[in-house]
Amino acid sequence: MIENIYKGATARIHIDNQISEEFEIQRGVRQGDRISPKLFITVIEQVFKEADQKYGINIDREYLRYVRFADDVALCTEKEEEMEEHLERLNSESKKMSD
């Protein structure tokens, strides 16, 4: 059903009072579409769940691993090496979701 919503979606680009020819959207979701934020949240939740990292900043014996708001994510680690590994794992899981 979701595929049918996006199938054949087109767009135009408006720059300096010029409007481009219409073109078919090949990837991604339509900005401003009501379902797009829900799709993003669903996918990002799964990516973080699959990445299941053990890193974070220890605050009162609880670990803060990341802060997310809308389409922004702040990752928290105590060491640079942990951040690199965390990013690699998230990247790997993200790629799996796009296949």
PDB file of N, CA and C in Angstrom:
ATOM      1  N   MET A   1       0.812  -1.178   0.000  1.00  0.00           N
ATOM      2  CA  MET A   1       0.000   0.000   0.000  1.00  0.00           C
ATOM      3  C   MET A   1       0.871   1.264   0.000  1.00  0.00           C
ATOM      4  N   ILE A   2       1.887   1.277   0.855  1.00  0.00           N
ATOM      5  CA  ILE A   2       2.763   2.453   0.918  1.00  0.00           C
ATOM      6  C   ILE A   2       3.493   2.635  -0.407  1.00  0.00           C
ATOM      7  N   GLU A   3       3.932   1.533  -0.997  1.00  0.00           N
ATOM      8  CA  GLU A   3       4.614   1.622  -2.291  1.00  0.00           C
ATOM      9  C   GLU A   3       3.706   2.273  -3.333  1.00  0.00           C
ATOM     10  N   ASN A   4       2.432   1.932  -3.314  1.00  0.00           N
ATOM     11  CA  ASN A   4       1.489   2.522  -4.271  1.00  0.00           C
ATOM     12  C   ASN A   4       1.316   4.025  -4.064  1.00  0.00           C
ATOM     13  N   ILE A   5       1.421   4.479  -2.823  1.00  0.00           N
ATOM     14  CA  ILE A   5       1.305   5.912  -2.543  1.00  0.00           C
ATOM     15  C   ILE A   5       2.441   6.675  -3.220  1.00  0.00           C
ATOM     16  N   TYR A   6       3.634   6.104  -3.190  1.00  0.00           N
ATOM     17  CA  TYR A   6       4.811   6.790  -3.720  1.00  0.00           C
ATOM     18  C   TYR A   6       5.095   6.484  -5.188  1.00  0.00           C
ATOM     19  N   LYS A   7       4.489   5.442  -5.715  1.00  0.00           N
ATOM     20  CA  LYS A   7       4.720   5.045  -7.101  1.00  0.00           C
ATOM     21  C   LYS A   7       4.270   6.154  -8.050  1.00  0.00           C
ATOM     22  N   GLY A   8       5.151   6.545  -8.935  1.00  0.00           N
ATOM     23  CA  GLY A   8       4.810   7.561  -9.919  1.00  0.00           C
ATOM     24  C   GLY A   8       4.800   8.982  -9.382  1.00  0.00           C
ATOM     25  N   ALA A   9       5.329   9.173  -8.166  1.00  0.00           N
ATOM     26  CA  ALA A   9       5.365  10.527  -7.592  1.00  0.00           C
ATOM     27  C   ALA A   9       6.305  11.404  -8.419  1.00  0.00           C
ATOM     28  N   THR A  10       5.898  12.639  -8.637  1.00  0.00           N
ATOM     29  CA  THR A  10       6.706  13.574  -9.418  1.00  0.00           C
ATOM     30  C   THR A  10       6.929  14.859  -8.630  1.00  0.00           C
ATOM     31  N   ALA A  11       7.882  15.650  -9.111  1.00  0.00           N
ATOM     32  CA  ALA A  11       8.186  16.927  -8.460  1.00  0.00           C
ATOM     33  C   ALA A  11       8.713  17.909  -9.490  1.00  0.00           C
ATOM     34  N   ARG A  12       8.766  19.153  -9.090  1.00  0.00           N
ATOM     35  CA  ARG A  12       9.392  20.226  -9.863  1.00  0.00           C
ATOM     36  C   ARG A  12      10.217  21.043  -8.888  1.00  0.00           C
ATOM     37  N   ILE A  13      11.273  21.654  -9.378  1.00  0.00           N
ATOM     38  CA  ILE A  13      12.128  22.489  -8.537  1.00  0.00           C
ATOM     39  C   ILE A  13      11.930  23.942  -8.928  1.00  0.00           C
ATOM     40  N   HIS A  14      11.763  24.785  -7.923  1.00  0.00           N
ATOM     41  CA  HIS A  14      11.528  26.212  -8.137  1.00  0.00           C
ATOM     42  C   HIS A  14      12.756  26.982  -7.634  1.00  0.00           C
ATOM     43  N   ILE A  15      13.521  27.596  -8.555  1.00  0.00           N
ATOM     44  CA  ILE A  15      14.721  28.364  -8.213  1.00  0.00           C
ATOM     45  C   ILE A  15      14.704  29.672  -8.998  1.00  0.00           C
ATOM     46  N   ASP A  16      14.890  30.790  -8.285  1.00  0.00           N
ATOM     47  CA  ASP A  16      14.964  32.110  -8.929  1.00  0.00           C
ATOM     48  C   ASP A  16      13.831  32.338  -9.932  1.00  0.00           C
ATOM     49  N   ASN A  17      12.631  32.125  -9.512  1.00  0.00           N
ATOM     50  CA  ASN A  17      11.439  32.321 -10.349  1.00  0.00           C
ATOM     51  C   ASN A  17      11.397  31.424 -11.584  1.00  0.00           C
ATOM     52  N   GLN A  18      12.193  30.400 -11.614  1.00  0.00           N
ATOM     53  CA  GLN A  18      12.190  29.420 -12.703  1.00  0.00           C
ATOM     54  C   GLN A  18      11.692  28.089 -12.139  1.00  0.00           C
ATOM     55  N   ILE A  19      10.844  27.418 -12.888  1.00  0.00           N
ATOM     56  CA  ILE A  19      10.328  26.115 -12.467  1.00  0.00           C
ATOM     57  C   ILE A  19      10.834  25.058 -13.436  1.00  0.00           C
ATOM     58  N   SER A  20      11.432  24.015 -12.868  1.00  0.00           N
ATOM     59  CA  SER A  20      12.000  22.952 -13.701  1.00  0.00           C
ATOM     60  C   SER A  20      10.903  22.132 -14.365  1.00  0.00           C
ATOM     61  N   GLU A  21      11.331  21.309 -15.285  1.00  0.00           N
ATOM     62  CA  GLU A  21      10.430  20.318 -15.870  1.00  0.00           C
ATOM     63  C   GLU A  21      10.066  19.313 -14.775  1.00  0.00           C
ATOM     64  N   GLU A  22       8.924  18.712 -14.910  1.00  0.00           N
ATOM     65  CA  GLU A  22       8.502  17.697 -13.956  1.00  0.00           C
ATOM     66  C   GLU A  22       9.395  16.467 -14.106  1.00  0.00           C
ATOM     67  N   PHE A  23       9.765  15.858 -12.977  1.00  0.00           N
ATOM     68  CA  PHE A  23      10.570  14.633 -13.005  1.00  0.00           C
ATOM     69  C   PHE A  23      10.033  13.657 -11.969  1.00  0.00           C
ATOM     70  N   GLU A  24      10.300  12.378 -12.203  1.00  0.00           N
ATOM     71  CA  GLU A  24       9.827  11.338 -11.294  1.00  0.00           C
ATOM     72  C   GLU A  24      10.780  11.216 -10.111  1.00  0.00           C
ATOM     73  N   ILE A  25      10.213  11.114  -8.925  1.00  0.00           N
ATOM     74  CA  ILE A  25      11.013  10.926  -7.715  1.00  0.00           C
ATOM     75  C   ILE A  25      11.400   9.452  -7.642  1.00  0.00           C
ATOM     76  N   GLN A  26      12.697   9.194  -7.602  1.00  0.00           N
ATOM     77  CA  GLN A  26      13.197   7.820  -7.622  1.00  0.00           C
ATOM     78  C   GLN A  26      13.389   7.227  -6.223  1.00  0.00           C
ATOM     79  N   ARG A  27      13.800   8.075  -5.271  1.00  0.00           N
ATOM     80  CA  ARG A  27      14.097   7.594  -3.916  1.00  0.00           C
ATOM     81  C   ARG A  27      13.563   8.578  -2.890  1.00  0.00           C
ATOM     82  N   GLY A  28      13.443   8.092  -1.651  1.00  0.00           N
ATOM     83  CA  GLY A  28      13.051   8.970  -0.559  1.00  0.00           C
ATOM     84  C   GLY A  28      11.547   9.071  -0.417  1.00  0.00           C
ATOM     85  N   VAL A  29      11.159  10.006   0.407  1.00  0.00           N
ATOM     86  CA  VAL A  29       9.741  10.239   0.648  1.00  0.00           C
ATOM     87  C   VAL A  29       9.416  11.685   0.319  1.00  0.00           C
ATOM     88  N   ARG A  30       8.159  11.948   0.137  1.00  0.00           N
ATOM     89  CA  ARG A  30       7.737  13.300  -0.229  1.00  0.00           C
ATOM     90  C   ARG A  30       7.731  14.202   1.002  1.00  0.00           C
ATOM     91  N   GLN A  31       8.439  15.304   0.907  1.00  0.00           N
ATOM     92  CA  GLN A  31       8.471  16.256   2.008  1.00  0.00           C
ATOM     93  C   GLN A  31       7.099  16.894   2.169  1.00  0.00           C
ATOM     94  N   GLY A  32       6.654  16.998   3.414  1.00  0.00           N
ATOM     95  CA  GLY A  32       5.358  17.588   3.681  1.00  0.00           C
ATOM     96  C   GLY A  32       4.216  16.592   3.639  1.00  0.00           C
ATOM     97  N   ASP A  33       4.492  15.384   3.191  1.00  0.00           N
ATOM     98  CA  ASP A  33       3.474  14.343   3.154  1.00  0.00           C
ATOM     99  C   ASP A  33       3.190  13.886   4.586  1.00  0.00           C
ATOM    100  N   ARG A  34       1.950  13.642   4.918  1.00  0.00           N
ATOM    101  CA  ARG A  34       1.590  13.265   6.290  1.00  0.00           C
ATOM    102  C   ARG A  34       2.202  11.948   6.737  1.00  0.00           C
ATOM    103  N   ILE A  35       2.407  11.035   5.826  1.00  0.00           N
ATOM    104  CA  ILE A  35       2.915   9.723   6.218  1.00  0.00           C
ATOM    105  C   ILE A  35       4.447   9.703   6.342  1.00  0.00           C
ATOM    106  N   SER A  36       5.135  10.648   5.737  1.00  0.00           N
ATOM    107  CA  SER A  36       6.599  10.657   5.736  1.00  0.00           C
ATOM    108  C   SER A  36       7.213  10.646   7.132  1.00  0.00           C
ATOM    109  N   PRO A  37       6.779  11.509   8.064  1.00  0.00           N
ATOM    110  CA  PRO A  37       7.370  11.465   9.411  1.00  0.00           C
ATOM    111  C   PRO A  37       7.142  10.123  10.104  1.00  0.00           C
ATOM    112  N   LYS A  38       5.983   9.535   9.891  1.00  0.00           N
ATOM    113  CA  LYS A  38       5.698   8.239  10.511  1.00  0.00           C
ATOM    114  C   LYS A  38       6.598   7.148   9.935  1.00  0.00           C
ATOM    115  N   LEU A  39       6.831   7.195   8.635  1.00  0.00           N
ATOM    116  CA  LEU A  39       7.741   6.231   8.017  1.00  0.00           C
ATOM    117  C   LEU A  39       9.155   6.411   8.554  1.00  0.00           C
ATOM    118  N   PHE A  40       9.600   7.663   8.659  1.00  0.00           N
ATOM    119  CA  PHE A  40      10.938   7.941   9.177  1.00  0.00           C
ATOM    120  C   PHE A  40      11.081   7.410  10.600  1.00  0.00           C
ATOM    121  N   ILE A  41      10.118   7.709  11.452  1.00  0.00           N
ATOM    122  CA  ILE A  41      10.180   7.266  12.849  1.00  0.00           C
ATOM    123  C   ILE A  41      10.197   5.746  12.930  1.00  0.00           C
ATOM    124  N   THR A  42       9.382   5.093  12.137  1.00  0.00           N
ATOM    125  CA  THR A  42       9.328   3.631  12.132  1.00  0.00           C
ATOM    126  C   THR A  42      10.674   3.038  11.741  1.00  0.00           C
ATOM    127  N   VAL A  43      11.274   3.583  10.704  1.00  0.00           N
ATOM    128  CA  VAL A  43      12.560   3.062  10.227  1.00  0.00           C
ATOM    129  C   VAL A  43      13.673   3.366  11.221  1.00  0.00           C
ATOM    130  N   ILE A  44      13.746   4.597  11.718  1.00  0.00           N
ATOM    131  CA  ILE A  44      14.839   4.961  12.624  1.00  0.00           C
ATOM    132  C   ILE A  44      14.747   4.180  13.932  1.00  0.00           C
ATOM    133  N   GLU A  45      13.529   3.905  14.406  1.00  0.00           N
ATOM    134  CA  GLU A  45      13.354   3.080  15.609  1.00  0.00           C
ATOM    135  C   GLU A  45      13.955   1.696  15.383  1.00  0.00           C
ATOM    136  N   GLN A  46      13.682   1.124  14.228  1.00  0.00           N
ATOM    137  CA  GLN A  46      14.197  -0.207  13.916  1.00  0.00           C
ATOM    138  C   GLN A  46      15.715  -0.192  13.777  1.00  0.00           C
ATOM    139  N   VAL A  47      16.257   0.837  13.151  1.00  0.00           N
ATOM    140  CA  VAL A  47      17.713   0.950  12.994  1.00  0.00           C
ATOM    141  C   VAL A  47      18.381   0.981  14.361  1.00  0.00           C
ATOM    142  N   PHE A  48      17.879   1.806  15.265  1.00  0.00           N
ATOM    143  CA  PHE A  48      18.476   1.898  16.598  1.00  0.00           C
ATOM    144  C   PHE A  48      18.289   0.608  17.386  1.00  0.00           C
ATOM    145  N   LYS A  49      17.152  -0.035  17.215  1.00  0.00           N
ATOM    146  CA  LYS A  49      16.911  -1.310  17.903  1.00  0.00           C
ATOM    147  C   LYS A  49      17.901  -2.370  17.424  1.00  0.00           C
ATOM    148  N   GLU A  50      18.098  -2.450  16.114  1.00  0.00           N
ATOM    149  CA  GLU A  50      19.023  -3.434  15.550  1.00  0.00           C
ATOM    150  C   GLU A  50      20.471  -3.117  15.912  1.00  0.00           C
ATOM    151  N   ALA A  51      20.820  -1.838  15.962  1.00  0.00           N
ATOM    152  CA  ALA A  51      22.195  -1.446  16.297  1.00  0.00           C
ATOM    153  C   ALA A  51      22.500  -1.776  17.759  1.00  0.00           C
ATOM    154  N   ASP A  52      21.518  -1.656  18.635  1.00  0.00           N
ATOM    155  CA  ASP A  52      21.598  -2.046  20.046  1.00  0.00           C
ATOM    156  C   ASP A  52      22.986  -1.832  20.649  1.00  0.00           C
ATOM    157  N   GLN A  53      23.415  -0.610  20.682  1.00  0.00           N
ATOM    158  CA  GLN A  53      24.745  -0.288  21.198  1.00  0.00           C
ATOM    159  C   GLN A  53      24.762  -0.228  22.720  1.00  0.00           C
ATOM    160  N   LYS A  54      25.919  -0.520  23.273  1.00  0.00           N
ATOM    161  CA  LYS A  54      26.100  -0.509  24.724  1.00  0.00           C
ATOM    162  C   LYS A  54      26.814   0.754  25.190  1.00  0.00           C
ATOM    163  N   TYR A  55      26.975   1.710  24.298  1.00  0.00           N
ATOM    164  CA  TYR A  55      27.694   2.926  24.646  1.00  0.00           C
ATOM    165  C   TYR A  55      26.752   3.950  25.235  1.00  0.00           C
ATOM    166  N   GLY A  56      27.330   5.016  25.714  1.00  0.00           N
ATOM    167  CA  GLY A  56      26.542   6.118  26.229  1.00  0.00           C
ATOM    168  C   GLY A  56      27.310   6.855  27.302  1.00  0.00           C
ATOM    169  N   ILE A  57      26.673   7.847  27.850  1.00  0.00           N
ATOM    170  CA  ILE A  57      27.249   8.623  28.935  1.00  0.00           C
ATOM    171  C   ILE A  57      26.549   8.200  30.218  1.00  0.00           C
ATOM    172  N   ASN A  58      27.335   7.806  31.218  1.00  0.00           N
ATOM    173  CA  ASN A  58      26.790   7.343  32.483  1.00  0.00           C
ATOM    174  C   ASN A  58      26.314   8.540  33.296  1.00  0.00           C
ATOM    175  N   ILE A  59      25.017   8.605  33.512  1.00  0.00           N
ATOM    176  CA  ILE A  59      24.425   9.662  34.323  1.00  0.00           C
ATOM    177  C   ILE A  59      23.637   8.988  35.441  1.00  0.00           C
ATOM    178  N   ASP A  60      24.177   9.061  36.633  1.00  0.00           N
ATOM    179  CA  ASP A  60      23.495   8.483  37.798  1.00  0.00           C
ATOM    180  C   ASP A  60      23.175   7.002  37.584  1.00  0.00           C
ATOM    181  N   ARG A  61      24.151   6.263  37.082  1.00  0.00           N
ATOM    182  CA  ARG A  61      24.071   4.820  36.814  1.00  0.00           C
ATOM    183  C   ARG A  61      23.089   4.433  35.708  1.00  0.00           C
ATOM    184  N   GLU A  62      22.669   5.399  34.930  1.00  0.00           N
ATOM    185  CA  GLU A  62      21.867   5.158  33.728  1.00  0.00           C
ATOM    186  C   GLU A  62      22.680   5.642  32.537  1.00  0.00           C
ATOM    187  N   TYR A  63      22.553   4.954  31.410  1.00  0.00           N
ATOM    188  CA  TYR A  63      23.309   5.349  30.225  1.00  0.00           C
ATOM    189  C   TYR A  63      22.424   6.088  29.231  1.00  0.00           C
ATOM    190  N   LEU A  64      22.847   7.301  28.906  1.00  0.00           N
ATOM    191  CA  LEU A  64      22.200   8.083  27.856  1.00  0.00           C
ATOM    192  C   LEU A  64      22.948   7.776  26.566  1.00  0.00           C
ATOM    193  N   ARG A  65      22.294   7.098  25.627  1.00  0.00           N
ATOM    194  CA  ARG A  65      22.949   6.663  24.394  1.00  0.00           C
ATOM    195  C   ARG A  65      22.740   7.641  23.242  1.00  0.00           C
ATOM    196  N   TYR A  66      21.569   8.237  23.200  1.00  0.00           N
ATOM    197  CA  TYR A  66      21.261   9.177  22.124  1.00  0.00           C
ATOM    198  C   TYR A  66      20.055  10.012  22.514  1.00  0.00           C
ATOM    199  N   VAL A  67      19.926  11.125  21.823  1.00  0.00           N
ATOM    200  CA  VAL A  67      18.763  11.992  21.970  1.00  0.00           C
ATOM    201  C   VAL A  67      18.220  12.192  20.567  1.00  0.00           C
ATOM    202  N   ARG A  68      16.931  11.949  20.379  1.00  0.00           N
ATOM    203  CA  ARG A  68      16.317  12.107  19.061  1.00  0.00           C
ATOM    204  C   ARG A  68      15.149  13.069  19.156  1.00  0.00           C
ATOM    205  N   PHE A  69      15.049  13.911  18.157  1.00  0.00           N
ATOM    206  CA  PHE A  69      13.899  14.795  18.040  1.00  0.00           C
ATOM    207  C   PHE A  69      13.651  15.023  16.560  1.00  0.00           C
ATOM    208  N   ALA A  70      12.451  14.696  16.121  1.00  0.00           N
ATOM    209  CA  ALA A  70      12.094  14.810  14.699  1.00  0.00           C
ATOM    210  C   ALA A  70      13.127  14.039  13.879  1.00  0.00           C
ATOM    211  N   ASP A  71      13.840  14.714  12.968  1.00  0.00           N
ATOM    212  CA  ASP A  71      14.837  14.008  12.157  1.00  0.00           C
ATOM    213  C   ASP A  71      16.261  14.336  12.597  1.00  0.00           C
ATOM    214  N   ASP A  72      16.424  14.796  13.836  1.00  0.00           N
ATOM    215  CA  ASP A  72      17.749  15.072  14.398  1.00  0.00           C
ATOM    216  C   ASP A  72      18.100  14.008  15.422  1.00  0.00           C
ATOM    217  N   VAL A  73      19.359  13.584  15.415  1.00  0.00           N
ATOM    218  CA  VAL A  73      19.839  12.589  16.366  1.00  0.00           C
ATOM    219  C   VAL A  73      21.176  13.058  16.919  1.00  0.00           C
ATOM    220  N   ALA A  74      21.316  13.037  18.239  1.00  0.00           N
ATOM    221  CA  ALA A  74      22.594  13.317  18.893  1.00  0.00           C
ATOM    222  C   ALA A  74      23.036  12.034  19.580  1.00  0.00           C
ATOM    223  N   LEU A  75      24.193  11.512  19.187  1.00  0.00           N
ATOM    224  CA  LEU A  75      24.728  10.298  19.789  1.00  0.00           C
ATOM    225  C   LEU A  75      25.618  10.669  20.964  1.00  0.00           C
ATOM    226  N   CYS A  76      25.595   9.850  22.005  1.00  0.00           N
ATOM    227  CA  CYS A  76      26.376  10.125  23.210  1.00  0.00           C
ATOM    228  C   CYS A  76      27.327   8.967  23.485  1.00  0.00           C
ATOM    229  N   THR A  77      28.607   9.255  23.584  1.00  0.00           N
ATOM    230  CA  THR A  77      29.605   8.267  23.971  1.00  0.00           C
ATOM    231  C   THR A  77      30.650   8.959  24.839  1.00  0.00           C
ATOM    232  N   GLU A  78      31.404   8.162  25.579  1.00  0.00           N
ATOM    233  CA  GLU A  78      32.451   8.727  26.422  1.00  0.00           C
ATOM    234  C   GLU A  78      33.793   8.777  25.704  1.00  0.00           C
ATOM    235  N   LYS A  79      33.967   7.956  24.666  1.00  0.00           N
ATOM    236  CA  LYS A  79      35.242   7.884  23.950  1.00  0.00           C
ATOM    237  C   LYS A  79      35.020   8.039  22.452  1.00  0.00           C
ATOM    238  N   GLU A  80      35.998   8.625  21.792  1.00  0.00           N
ATOM    239  CA  GLU A  80      35.915   8.829  20.342  1.00  0.00           C
ATOM    240  C   GLU A  80      35.782   7.502  19.600  1.00  0.00           C
ATOM    241  N   GLU A  81      36.508   6.485  20.058  1.00  0.00           N
ATOM    242  CA  GLU A  81      36.457   5.173  19.399  1.00  0.00           C
ATOM    243  C   GLU A  81      35.046   4.589  19.467  1.00  0.00           C
ATOM    244  N   GLU A  82      34.381   4.802  20.593  1.00  0.00           N
ATOM    245  CA  GLU A  82      33.013   4.313  20.739  1.00  0.00           C
ATOM    246  C   GLU A  82      32.080   5.013  19.755  1.00  0.00           C
ATOM    247  N   MET A  83      32.303   6.315  19.557  1.00  0.00           N
ATOM    248  CA  MET A  83      31.474   7.079  18.614  1.00  0.00           C
ATOM    249  C   MET A  83      31.647   6.532  17.200  1.00  0.00           C
ATOM    250  N   GLU A  84      32.901   6.273  16.815  1.00  0.00           N
ATOM    251  CA  GLU A  84      33.170   5.739  15.475  1.00  0.00           C
ATOM    252  C   GLU A  84      32.490   4.392  15.280  1.00  0.00           C
ATOM    253  N   GLU A  85      32.608   3.521  16.281  1.00  0.00           N
ATOM    254  CA  GLU A  85      31.985   2.201  16.176  1.00  0.00           C
ATOM    255  C   GLU A  85      30.458   2.321  16.154  1.00  0.00           C
ATOM    256  N   HIS A  86      29.940   3.218  16.959  1.00  0.00           N
ATOM    257  CA  HIS A  86      28.491   3.453  17.014  1.00  0.00           C
ATOM    258  C   HIS A  86      27.977   3.926  15.651  1.00  0.00           C
ATOM    259  N   LEU A  87      28.678   4.874  15.048  1.00  0.00           N
ATOM    260  CA  LEU A  87      28.281   5.390  13.733  1.00  0.00           C
ATOM    261  C   LEU A  87      28.356   4.312  12.663  1.00  0.00           C
ATOM    262  N   GLU A  88      29.414   3.501  12.704  1.00  0.00           N
ATOM    263  CA  GLU A  88      29.554   2.413  11.728  1.00  0.00           C
ATOM    264  C   GLU A  88      28.396   1.421  11.857  1.00  0.00           C
ATOM    265  N   ARG A  89      28.034   1.092  13.081  1.00  0.00           N
ATOM    266  CA  ARG A  89      26.943   0.138  13.311  1.00  0.00           C
ATOM    267  C   ARG A  89      25.605   0.722  12.831  1.00  0.00           C
ATOM    268  N   LEU A  90      25.352   1.982  13.146  1.00  0.00           N
ATOM    269  CA  LEU A  90      24.114   2.622  12.688  1.00  0.00           C
ATOM    270  C   LEU A  90      24.073   2.709  11.168  1.00  0.00           C
ATOM    271  N   ASN A  91      25.211   3.021  10.559  1.00  0.00           N
ATOM    272  CA  ASN A  91      25.290   3.083   9.101  1.00  0.00           C
ATOM    273  C   ASN A  91      24.994   1.718   8.491  1.00  0.00           C
ATOM    274  N   SER A  92      25.573   0.690   9.058  1.00  0.00           N
ATOM    275  CA  SER A  92      25.354  -0.672   8.567  1.00  0.00           C
ATOM    276  C   SER A  92      23.876  -1.067   8.669  1.00  0.00           C
ATOM    277  N   GLU A  93      23.265  -0.782   9.798  1.00  0.00           N
ATOM    278  CA  GLU A  93      21.849  -1.119   9.982  1.00  0.00           C
ATOM    279  C   GLU A  93      20.953  -0.282   9.073  1.00  0.00           C
ATOM    280  N   SER A  94      21.324   0.976   8.861  1.00  0.00           N
ATOM    281  CA  SER A  94      20.546   1.844   7.962  1.00  0.00           C
ATOM    282  C   SER A  94      20.561   1.305   6.542  1.00  0.00           C
ATOM    283  N   LYS A  95      21.733   0.853   6.089  1.00  0.00           N
ATOM    284  CA  LYS A  95      21.846   0.300   4.735  1.00  0.00           C
ATOM    285  C   LYS A  95      20.976  -0.936   4.574  1.00  0.00           C
ATOM    286  N   LYS A  96      20.901  -1.761   5.606  1.00  0.00           N
ATOM    287  CA  LYS A  96      20.049  -2.955   5.545  1.00  0.00           C
ATOM    288  C   LYS A  96      18.585  -2.572   5.338  1.00  0.00           C
ATOM    289  N   MET A  97      18.174  -1.480   5.954  1.00  0.00           N
ATOM    290  CA  MET A  97      16.781  -1.037   5.845  1.00  0.00           C
ATOM    291  C   MET A  97      16.457  -0.503   4.455  1.00  0.00           C
ATOM    292  N   SER A  98      17.466  -0.031   3.729  1.00  0.00           N
ATOM    293  CA  SER A  98      17.204   0.552   2.409  1.00  0.00           C
ATOM    294  C   SER A  98      17.241  -0.484   1.295  1.00  0.00           C
ATOM    295  N   ASP A  99      17.649  -1.696   1.605  1.00  0.00           N
ATOM    296  CA  ASP A  99      17.697  -2.756   0.583  1.00  0.00           C
ATOM    297  C   ASP A  99      16.328  -3.316   0.297  1.00  0.00           C
TER     298      ASP A  99
END
